Amino acid sequence: MQDRLLKTDIAEFARAAWSGRNESGFAPMSTNIMVLPDGVNDRTAGGIFLPEEQRSRMALAAESGVVVAMGSEAFKYAVDGTPWRGDRPSVGAHVYFERYAGQVLSGRDGLQYRVMDAKCVGALALGEGAANDEEELRRFQQKTQHQRQAETVPAQQGAA
């Protein structure tokens, strides 16, 4: 997929480049997830260079990024304590979350991560274009269905 800019009313962000492995040195616990936020461009759309201090402030306002790691209880239960129903993000998914959500951590790899409660995530990003969105959503739903089935098999085996 070609990189694109994600525009908000705060800044323009480039999708986070993630290696596919958690190299941060941190592991979220319980219902927390760790996200690598999308990066702030160093120039405005008009070509004006942004100073480092301004980019740092804008980075804190990022509202999207890649899920790098998830705690063992993330997306298992809804806010009211009932079992989670519906789709859930997985590691590697691009998600949208509340502005300023979570705690900022500097990883061993030199990148800035955000650890936040799973309930701060509001949406899952899909591919470009309507046809791709439908295909990606179908693949995502199949993947999460397999994850849910895999979670129920050990529970059934333990009850036997």
N, C-alpha and C. Protein backbone atom coordinates (compact mmCIF):
# COMPACT_ATOMS: atom_id res chain seq x y z
N MET A 1 0.85 -1.18 0.00
CA MET A 1 0.00 0.00 0.00
C MET A 1 0.89 1.24 0.00
N GLN A 2 0.57 2.21 -0.81
CA GLN A 2 1.33 3.43 -0.90
C GLN A 2 1.10 4.28 0.35
N ASP A 3 2.21 4.87 0.88
CA ASP A 3 2.07 5.72 2.06
C ASP A 3 1.22 6.93 1.71
N ARG A 4 0.44 7.36 2.68
CA ARG A 4 -0.38 8.55 2.47
C ARG A 4 -0.34 9.36 3.74
N LEU A 5 -0.70 10.61 3.60
CA LEU A 5 -0.77 11.49 4.75
C LEU A 5 -2.13 11.38 5.38
N LEU A 6 -2.14 11.40 6.69
CA LEU A 6 -3.39 11.42 7.45
C LEU A 6 -3.52 12.83 7.99
N LYS A 7 -4.53 13.55 7.56
CA LYS A 7 -4.69 14.94 7.97
C LYS A 7 -5.69 15.04 9.10
N THR A 8 -5.34 15.82 10.11
CA THR A 8 -6.26 16.17 11.18
C THR A 8 -6.28 17.68 11.26
N ASP A 9 -7.07 18.22 12.18
CA ASP A 9 -7.08 19.67 12.33
C ASP A 9 -5.81 20.16 13.03
N ILE A 10 -4.99 19.25 13.55
CA ILE A 10 -3.76 19.62 14.24
C ILE A 10 -2.56 19.60 13.29
N ALA A 11 -2.41 18.54 12.50
CA ALA A 11 -1.22 18.39 11.66
C ALA A 11 -1.46 17.33 10.60
N GLU A 12 -0.43 17.13 9.77
CA GLU A 12 -0.42 16.04 8.81
C GLU A 12 0.51 14.97 9.35
N PHE A 13 0.04 13.72 9.32
CA PHE A 13 0.81 12.62 9.87
C PHE A 13 1.11 11.61 8.77
N ALA A 14 2.29 11.01 8.83
CA ALA A 14 2.65 9.91 7.92
C ALA A 14 2.48 8.61 8.70
N ARG A 15 1.96 7.59 8.04
CA ARG A 15 1.75 6.31 8.72
C ARG A 15 3.05 5.83 9.35
N ALA A 16 2.92 5.28 10.55
CA ALA A 16 4.07 4.78 11.29
C ALA A 16 4.68 3.60 10.55
N ALA A 17 6.01 3.61 10.43
CA ALA A 17 6.72 2.48 9.84
C ALA A 17 7.11 1.54 10.97
N TRP A 18 6.53 0.35 10.95
CA TRP A 18 6.75 -0.60 12.03
C TRP A 18 7.42 -1.84 11.48
N SER A 19 8.39 -2.38 12.21
CA SER A 19 9.18 -3.53 11.75
C SER A 19 8.41 -4.85 11.80
N GLY A 20 7.29 -4.88 12.52
CA GLY A 20 6.54 -6.11 12.67
C GLY A 20 6.86 -6.83 13.97
N ARG A 21 7.80 -6.29 14.74
CA ARG A 21 8.16 -6.87 16.04
C ARG A 21 8.14 -5.79 17.10
N ASN A 22 7.86 -6.19 18.33
CA ASN A 22 7.90 -5.26 19.46
C ASN A 22 9.34 -5.15 19.93
N GLU A 23 10.00 -4.07 19.54
CA GLU A 23 11.39 -3.83 19.91
C GLU A 23 11.51 -2.70 20.93
N SER A 24 10.40 -2.38 21.59
CA SER A 24 10.36 -1.24 22.50
C SER A 24 10.99 -1.54 23.86
N GLY A 25 10.96 -2.81 24.28
CA GLY A 25 11.41 -3.15 25.62
C GLY A 25 10.29 -3.10 26.63
N PHE A 26 9.05 -2.91 26.18
CA PHE A 26 7.89 -2.84 27.06
C PHE A 26 6.83 -3.84 26.60
N ALA A 27 6.04 -4.30 27.55
CA ALA A 27 4.90 -5.17 27.24
C ALA A 27 3.71 -4.65 28.04
N PRO A 28 2.64 -4.28 27.36
CA PRO A 28 1.46 -3.78 28.08
C PRO A 28 0.80 -4.90 28.89
N MET A 29 0.17 -4.52 29.98
CA MET A 29 -0.47 -5.49 30.86
C MET A 29 -1.98 -5.31 30.84
N SER A 30 -2.69 -6.37 31.19
CA SER A 30 -4.13 -6.37 31.38
C SER A 30 -4.86 -5.85 30.14
N THR A 31 -5.64 -4.79 30.27
CA THR A 31 -6.45 -4.28 29.16
C THR A 31 -5.73 -3.21 28.36
N ASN A 32 -4.46 -3.00 28.62
CA ASN A 32 -3.70 -1.97 27.91
C ASN A 32 -3.17 -2.48 26.58
N ILE A 33 -2.98 -1.54 25.67
CA ILE A 33 -2.33 -1.82 24.39
C ILE A 33 -1.20 -0.82 24.20
N MET A 34 -0.23 -1.16 23.37
CA MET A 34 0.86 -0.23 23.06
C MET A 34 0.78 0.09 21.57
N VAL A 35 0.81 1.38 21.27
CA VAL A 35 0.65 1.87 19.90
C VAL A 35 1.88 2.69 19.51
N LEU A 36 2.35 2.48 18.29
CA LEU A 36 3.37 3.34 17.70
C LEU A 36 2.61 4.40 16.91
N PRO A 37 2.53 5.64 17.44
CA PRO A 37 1.73 6.67 16.75
C PRO A 37 2.31 7.04 15.40
N ASP A 38 1.44 7.48 14.51
CA ASP A 38 1.88 7.98 13.22
C ASP A 38 2.75 9.20 13.43
N GLY A 39 3.73 9.42 12.54
CA GLY A 39 4.69 10.50 12.69
C GLY A 39 4.23 11.81 12.08
N VAL A 40 4.68 12.89 12.68
CA VAL A 40 4.37 14.23 12.18
C VAL A 40 5.33 14.57 11.06
N ASN A 41 4.81 15.12 9.96
CA ASN A 41 5.68 15.56 8.88
C ASN A 41 6.54 16.73 9.34
N ASP A 42 7.74 16.83 8.78
CA ASP A 42 8.63 17.91 9.19
C ASP A 42 8.36 19.21 8.44
N ARG A 43 7.45 19.17 7.46
CA ARG A 43 7.08 20.37 6.71
C ARG A 43 5.55 20.44 6.58
N THR A 44 5.06 21.63 6.46
CA THR A 44 3.62 21.82 6.22
C THR A 44 3.32 21.51 4.77
N ALA A 45 2.03 21.47 4.42
CA ALA A 45 1.63 21.23 3.03
C ALA A 45 2.20 22.31 2.11
N GLY A 46 2.40 23.50 2.65
CA GLY A 46 2.97 24.60 1.87
C GLY A 46 4.48 24.60 1.80
N GLY A 47 5.14 23.61 2.45
CA GLY A 47 6.59 23.49 2.37
C GLY A 47 7.36 24.19 3.48
N ILE A 48 6.67 24.73 4.47
CA ILE A 48 7.35 25.43 5.57
C ILE A 48 7.88 24.42 6.55
N PHE A 49 9.15 24.52 6.90
CA PHE A 49 9.80 23.62 7.84
C PHE A 49 9.28 23.87 9.25
N LEU A 50 8.91 22.81 9.96
CA LEU A 50 8.42 22.93 11.34
C LEU A 50 9.56 22.67 12.32
N PRO A 51 9.75 23.53 13.31
CA PRO A 51 10.80 23.30 14.30
C PRO A 51 10.51 22.05 15.14
N GLU A 52 11.55 21.46 15.71
CA GLU A 52 11.43 20.23 16.49
C GLU A 52 10.44 20.37 17.63
N GLU A 53 10.44 21.50 18.33
CA GLU A 53 9.52 21.70 19.45
C GLU A 53 8.07 21.64 18.98
N GLN A 54 7.77 22.24 17.86
CA GLN A 54 6.41 22.22 17.31
C GLN A 54 6.02 20.80 16.91
N ARG A 55 6.94 20.07 16.27
CA ARG A 55 6.65 18.68 15.88
C ARG A 55 6.42 17.81 17.11
N SER A 56 7.16 18.03 18.19
CA SER A 56 6.97 17.25 19.42
C SER A 56 5.58 17.48 19.99
N ARG A 57 5.14 18.73 20.01
CA ARG A 57 3.80 19.04 20.51
C ARG A 57 2.72 18.40 19.63
N MET A 58 2.93 18.47 18.33
CA MET A 58 1.97 17.88 17.41
C MET A 58 1.93 16.35 17.55
N ALA A 59 3.08 15.74 17.81
CA ALA A 59 3.15 14.28 17.96
C ALA A 59 2.30 13.81 19.13
N LEU A 60 2.23 14.60 20.19
CA LEU A 60 1.40 14.24 21.35
C LEU A 60 -0.08 14.23 21.00
N ALA A 61 -0.44 14.96 19.95
CA ALA A 61 -1.84 15.04 19.54
C ALA A 61 -2.21 14.00 18.50
N ALA A 62 -1.28 13.10 18.17
CA ALA A 62 -1.56 12.06 17.17
C ALA A 62 -2.79 11.26 17.60
N GLU A 63 -3.60 10.88 16.63
CA GLU A 63 -4.83 10.15 16.89
C GLU A 63 -4.88 8.81 16.18
N SER A 64 -3.77 8.39 15.59
CA SER A 64 -3.75 7.11 14.89
C SER A 64 -2.36 6.51 14.98
N GLY A 65 -2.30 5.20 14.80
CA GLY A 65 -1.02 4.51 14.85
C GLY A 65 -1.19 3.01 14.69
N VAL A 66 -0.07 2.29 14.84
CA VAL A 66 -0.04 0.84 14.67
C VAL A 66 0.01 0.17 16.04
N VAL A 67 -0.85 -0.83 16.24
CA VAL A 67 -0.83 -1.61 17.48
C VAL A 67 0.42 -2.48 17.46
N VAL A 68 1.30 -2.29 18.46
CA VAL A 68 2.56 -3.02 18.54
C VAL A 68 2.44 -4.21 19.48
N ALA A 69 1.68 -4.06 20.56
CA ALA A 69 1.50 -5.14 21.53
C ALA A 69 0.19 -4.92 22.27
N MET A 70 -0.36 -6.03 22.78
CA MET A 70 -1.62 -5.96 23.52
C MET A 70 -1.51 -6.77 24.80
N GLY A 71 -2.10 -6.25 25.87
CA GLY A 71 -2.18 -7.00 27.12
C GLY A 71 -3.10 -8.20 26.96
N SER A 72 -2.99 -9.14 27.86
CA SER A 72 -3.75 -10.39 27.73
C SER A 72 -5.26 -10.20 27.82
N GLU A 73 -5.72 -9.12 28.43
CA GLU A 73 -7.16 -8.88 28.57
C GLU A 73 -7.71 -7.82 27.61
N ALA A 74 -6.87 -7.27 26.75
CA ALA A 74 -7.31 -6.22 25.82
C ALA A 74 -8.36 -6.75 24.86
N PHE A 75 -9.46 -6.05 24.76
CA PHE A 75 -10.58 -6.35 23.86
C PHE A 75 -11.25 -7.69 24.18
N LYS A 76 -11.12 -8.18 25.40
CA LYS A 76 -11.84 -9.39 25.79
C LYS A 76 -13.20 -9.05 26.41
N TYR A 77 -13.27 -7.89 27.08
CA TYR A 77 -14.50 -7.50 27.75
C TYR A 77 -14.87 -6.08 27.38
N ALA A 78 -16.18 -5.83 27.26
CA ALA A 78 -16.69 -4.49 27.01
C ALA A 78 -16.60 -3.67 28.30
N VAL A 79 -16.86 -2.38 28.22
CA VAL A 79 -16.78 -1.49 29.38
C VAL A 79 -17.70 -1.96 30.51
N ASP A 80 -18.85 -2.55 30.16
CA ASP A 80 -19.79 -3.01 31.19
C ASP A 80 -19.45 -4.38 31.77
N GLY A 81 -18.32 -4.98 31.35
CA GLY A 81 -17.88 -6.26 31.90
C GLY A 81 -18.39 -7.48 31.15
N THR A 82 -19.24 -7.28 30.16
CA THR A 82 -19.72 -8.41 29.37
C THR A 82 -18.65 -8.79 28.35
N PRO A 83 -18.68 -10.02 27.85
CA PRO A 83 -17.68 -10.42 26.84
C PRO A 83 -17.74 -9.51 25.62
N TRP A 84 -16.56 -9.23 25.06
CA TRP A 84 -16.45 -8.36 23.88
C TRP A 84 -17.19 -9.01 22.73
N ARG A 85 -17.97 -8.22 22.02
CA ARG A 85 -18.69 -8.71 20.84
C ARG A 85 -18.23 -7.89 19.66
N GLY A 86 -18.03 -8.54 18.56
CA GLY A 86 -17.64 -7.83 17.34
C GLY A 86 -16.15 -7.94 17.08
N ASP A 87 -15.72 -7.16 16.10
CA ASP A 87 -14.33 -7.19 15.67
C ASP A 87 -13.42 -6.56 16.70
N ARG A 88 -12.18 -7.03 16.72
CA ARG A 88 -11.18 -6.45 17.61
C ARG A 88 -9.87 -6.31 16.86
N PRO A 89 -9.13 -5.25 17.12
CA PRO A 89 -7.84 -5.08 16.46
C PRO A 89 -6.87 -6.17 16.90
N SER A 90 -5.87 -6.41 16.09
CA SER A 90 -4.80 -7.32 16.45
C SER A 90 -3.48 -6.57 16.30
N VAL A 91 -2.40 -7.18 16.75
CA VAL A 91 -1.09 -6.57 16.60
C VAL A 91 -0.83 -6.35 15.12
N GLY A 92 -0.37 -5.14 14.78
CA GLY A 92 -0.12 -4.77 13.39
C GLY A 92 -1.25 -3.99 12.76
N ALA A 93 -2.40 -3.93 13.42
CA ALA A 93 -3.54 -3.18 12.88
C ALA A 93 -3.32 -1.68 13.05
N HIS A 94 -3.82 -0.91 12.10
CA HIS A 94 -3.75 0.54 12.19
C HIS A 94 -5.06 1.01 12.80
N VAL A 95 -4.98 1.73 13.93
CA VAL A 95 -6.17 2.13 14.68
C VAL A 95 -6.21 3.64 14.89
N TYR A 96 -7.41 4.11 15.22
CA TYR A 96 -7.62 5.50 15.60
C TYR A 96 -8.01 5.52 17.08
N PHE A 97 -7.39 6.43 17.82
CA PHE A 97 -7.62 6.49 19.26
C PHE A 97 -7.83 7.92 19.71
N GLU A 98 -8.20 8.08 20.97
CA GLU A 98 -8.47 9.41 21.53
C GLU A 98 -7.20 10.27 21.53
N ARG A 99 -7.38 11.54 21.21
CA ARG A 99 -6.25 12.47 21.23
C ARG A 99 -5.69 12.56 22.64
N TYR A 100 -4.39 12.56 22.77
CA TYR A 100 -3.64 12.64 24.03
C TYR A 100 -3.83 11.41 24.93
N ALA A 101 -4.37 10.32 24.39
CA ALA A 101 -4.62 9.12 25.19
C ALA A 101 -3.32 8.46 25.60
N GLY A 102 -3.32 7.91 26.79
CA GLY A 102 -2.24 7.05 27.25
C GLY A 102 -1.00 7.76 27.75
N GLN A 103 -0.01 6.93 28.04
CA GLN A 103 1.27 7.40 28.56
C GLN A 103 2.32 7.24 27.47
N VAL A 104 3.18 8.24 27.32
CA VAL A 104 4.25 8.21 26.32
C VAL A 104 5.46 7.50 26.93
N LEU A 105 5.98 6.50 26.19
CA LEU A 105 7.17 5.78 26.63
C LEU A 105 8.22 5.84 25.53
N SER A 106 9.47 6.05 25.91
CA SER A 106 10.57 6.01 24.96
C SER A 106 11.11 4.59 24.94
N GLY A 107 11.02 3.95 23.79
CA GLY A 107 11.44 2.56 23.67
C GLY A 107 12.94 2.42 23.56
N ARG A 108 13.40 1.18 23.77
CA ARG A 108 14.83 0.86 23.62
C ARG A 108 15.31 1.15 22.22
N ASP A 109 14.40 1.09 21.25
CA ASP A 109 14.75 1.32 19.85
C ASP A 109 14.76 2.80 19.48
N GLY A 110 14.51 3.69 20.45
CA GLY A 110 14.54 5.12 20.21
C GLY A 110 13.22 5.71 19.73
N LEU A 111 12.19 4.91 19.58
CA LEU A 111 10.89 5.40 19.13
C LEU A 111 10.00 5.73 20.32
N GLN A 112 9.03 6.61 20.08
CA GLN A 112 8.07 6.99 21.10
C GLN A 112 6.81 6.16 20.94
N TYR A 113 6.39 5.49 22.02
CA TYR A 113 5.19 4.65 22.01
C TYR A 113 4.16 5.25 22.96
N ARG A 114 2.90 4.84 22.79
CA ARG A 114 1.85 5.23 23.70
C ARG A 114 1.20 3.97 24.26
N VAL A 115 1.12 3.87 25.58
CA VAL A 115 0.42 2.77 26.23
C VAL A 115 -0.89 3.35 26.73
N MET A 116 -2.00 2.70 26.33
CA MET A 116 -3.32 3.21 26.67
C MET A 116 -4.28 2.05 26.91
N ASP A 117 -5.38 2.35 27.58
CA ASP A 117 -6.41 1.35 27.77
C ASP A 117 -7.06 1.06 26.42
N ALA A 118 -7.43 -0.19 26.21
CA ALA A 118 -8.04 -0.59 24.93
C ALA A 118 -9.30 0.22 24.62
N LYS A 119 -10.00 0.69 25.65
CA LYS A 119 -11.23 1.45 25.39
C LYS A 119 -10.97 2.82 24.78
N CYS A 120 -9.70 3.25 24.72
CA CYS A 120 -9.36 4.51 24.05
C CYS A 120 -9.40 4.38 22.53
N VAL A 121 -9.39 3.15 22.03
CA VAL A 121 -9.43 2.91 20.58
C VAL A 121 -10.87 3.02 20.11
N GLY A 122 -11.06 3.83 19.08
CA GLY A 122 -12.41 4.06 18.58
C GLY A 122 -12.70 3.45 17.22
N ALA A 123 -11.64 3.19 16.42
CA ALA A 123 -11.88 2.67 15.07
C ALA A 123 -10.65 1.94 14.56
N LEU A 124 -10.91 1.06 13.63
CA LEU A 124 -9.89 0.30 12.95
C LEU A 124 -9.77 0.85 11.54
N ALA A 125 -8.55 1.15 11.09
CA ALA A 125 -8.35 1.69 9.75
C ALA A 125 -8.41 0.57 8.73
N LEU A 126 -9.10 0.81 7.63
CA LEU A 126 -9.18 -0.15 6.53
C LEU A 126 -8.40 0.38 5.35
N GLY A 127 -8.28 -0.41 4.28
CA GLY A 127 -7.48 -0.05 3.11
C GLY A 127 -8.05 1.10 2.31
N GLU A 128 -7.36 1.41 1.23
CA GLU A 128 -7.75 2.51 0.35
C GLU A 128 -8.88 2.07 -0.58
N GLY A 129 -9.87 2.88 -0.75
CA GLY A 129 -10.93 2.62 -1.72
C GLY A 129 -11.99 1.66 -1.21
N ALA A 130 -13.20 1.78 -1.72
CA ALA A 130 -14.32 0.99 -1.22
C ALA A 130 -14.13 -0.50 -1.45
N ALA A 131 -13.64 -0.91 -2.63
CA ALA A 131 -13.46 -2.33 -2.91
C ALA A 131 -12.42 -2.93 -1.96
N ASN A 132 -11.32 -2.24 -1.77
CA ASN A 132 -10.29 -2.73 -0.85
C ASN A 132 -10.81 -2.75 0.58
N ASP A 133 -11.59 -1.75 0.98
CA ASP A 133 -12.14 -1.71 2.33
C ASP A 133 -12.98 -2.96 2.60
N GLU A 134 -13.83 -3.32 1.65
CA GLU A 134 -14.68 -4.49 1.84
C GLU A 134 -13.85 -5.76 1.93
N GLU A 135 -12.84 -5.89 1.05
CA GLU A 135 -11.99 -7.07 1.06
C GLU A 135 -11.17 -7.13 2.35
N GLU A 136 -10.60 -6.00 2.76
CA GLU A 136 -9.81 -5.99 3.99
C GLU A 136 -10.68 -6.27 5.21
N LEU A 137 -11.88 -5.72 5.24
CA LEU A 137 -12.79 -5.98 6.36
C LEU A 137 -13.15 -7.47 6.41
N ARG A 138 -13.40 -8.09 5.26
CA ARG A 138 -13.72 -9.51 5.22
C ARG A 138 -12.55 -10.34 5.76
N ARG A 139 -11.32 -10.02 5.32
CA ARG A 139 -10.14 -10.75 5.82
C ARG A 139 -9.98 -10.54 7.31
N PHE A 140 -10.20 -9.30 7.77
CA PHE A 140 -10.07 -9.00 9.20
C PHE A 140 -11.10 -9.77 10.01
N GLN A 141 -12.33 -9.82 9.53
CA GLN A 141 -13.38 -10.54 10.24
C GLN A 141 -13.07 -12.03 10.30
N GLN A 142 -12.54 -12.59 9.22
CA GLN A 142 -12.15 -14.01 9.22
C GLN A 142 -11.03 -14.25 10.23
N LYS A 143 -10.06 -13.35 10.26
CA LYS A 143 -8.93 -13.49 11.17
C LYS A 143 -9.41 -13.44 12.62
N THR A 144 -10.28 -12.47 12.95
CA THR A 144 -10.75 -12.37 14.33
C THR A 144 -11.66 -13.53 14.69
N GLN A 145 -12.39 -14.08 13.72
CA GLN A 145 -13.21 -15.25 13.99
C GLN A 145 -12.31 -16.43 14.35
N HIS A 146 -11.20 -16.60 13.64
CA HIS A 146 -10.26 -17.66 13.96
C HIS A 146 -9.64 -17.45 15.34
N GLN A 147 -9.35 -16.18 15.69
CA GLN A 147 -8.79 -15.88 17.02
C GLN A 147 -9.78 -16.26 18.10
N ARG A 148 -11.06 -15.92 17.91
CA ARG A 148 -12.07 -16.25 18.92
C ARG A 148 -12.23 -17.75 19.06
N GLN A 149 -12.18 -18.49 17.93
CA GLN A 149 -12.28 -19.94 17.99
C GLN A 149 -11.08 -20.53 18.72
N ALA A 150 -9.90 -20.00 18.49
CA ALA A 150 -8.69 -20.49 19.15
C ALA A 150 -8.76 -20.24 20.65
N GLU A 151 -9.41 -19.14 21.07
CA GLU A 151 -9.54 -18.83 22.49
C GLU A 151 -10.52 -19.76 23.18
N THR A 152 -11.55 -20.22 22.46
CA THR A 152 -12.54 -21.08 23.10
C THR A 152 -12.08 -22.53 23.18
N VAL A 153 -11.20 -22.97 22.28
CA VAL A 153 -10.71 -24.35 22.31
C VAL A 153 -9.97 -24.66 23.60
N PRO A 154 -8.98 -23.83 24.05
CA PRO A 154 -8.30 -24.13 25.32
C PRO A 154 -9.28 -24.10 26.50
N ALA A 155 -10.27 -23.23 26.47
CA ALA A 155 -11.23 -23.14 27.57
C ALA A 155 -12.06 -24.42 27.63
N GLN A 156 -12.44 -24.94 26.47
CA GLN A 156 -13.20 -26.18 26.42
C GLN A 156 -12.36 -27.36 26.87
N GLN A 157 -11.07 -27.38 26.49
CA GLN A 157 -10.18 -28.47 26.88
C GLN A 157 -9.94 -28.46 28.38
N GLY A 158 -9.86 -27.29 28.97
CA GLY A 158 -9.64 -27.15 30.41
C GLY A 158 -10.85 -27.62 31.20
N ALA A 159 -12.06 -27.50 30.62
CA ALA A 159 -13.28 -27.90 31.32
C ALA A 159 -13.47 -29.40 31.28
N ALA A 160 -12.82 -30.07 30.34
CA ALA A 160 -12.99 -31.52 30.19
C ALA A 160 -12.23 -32.31 31.25
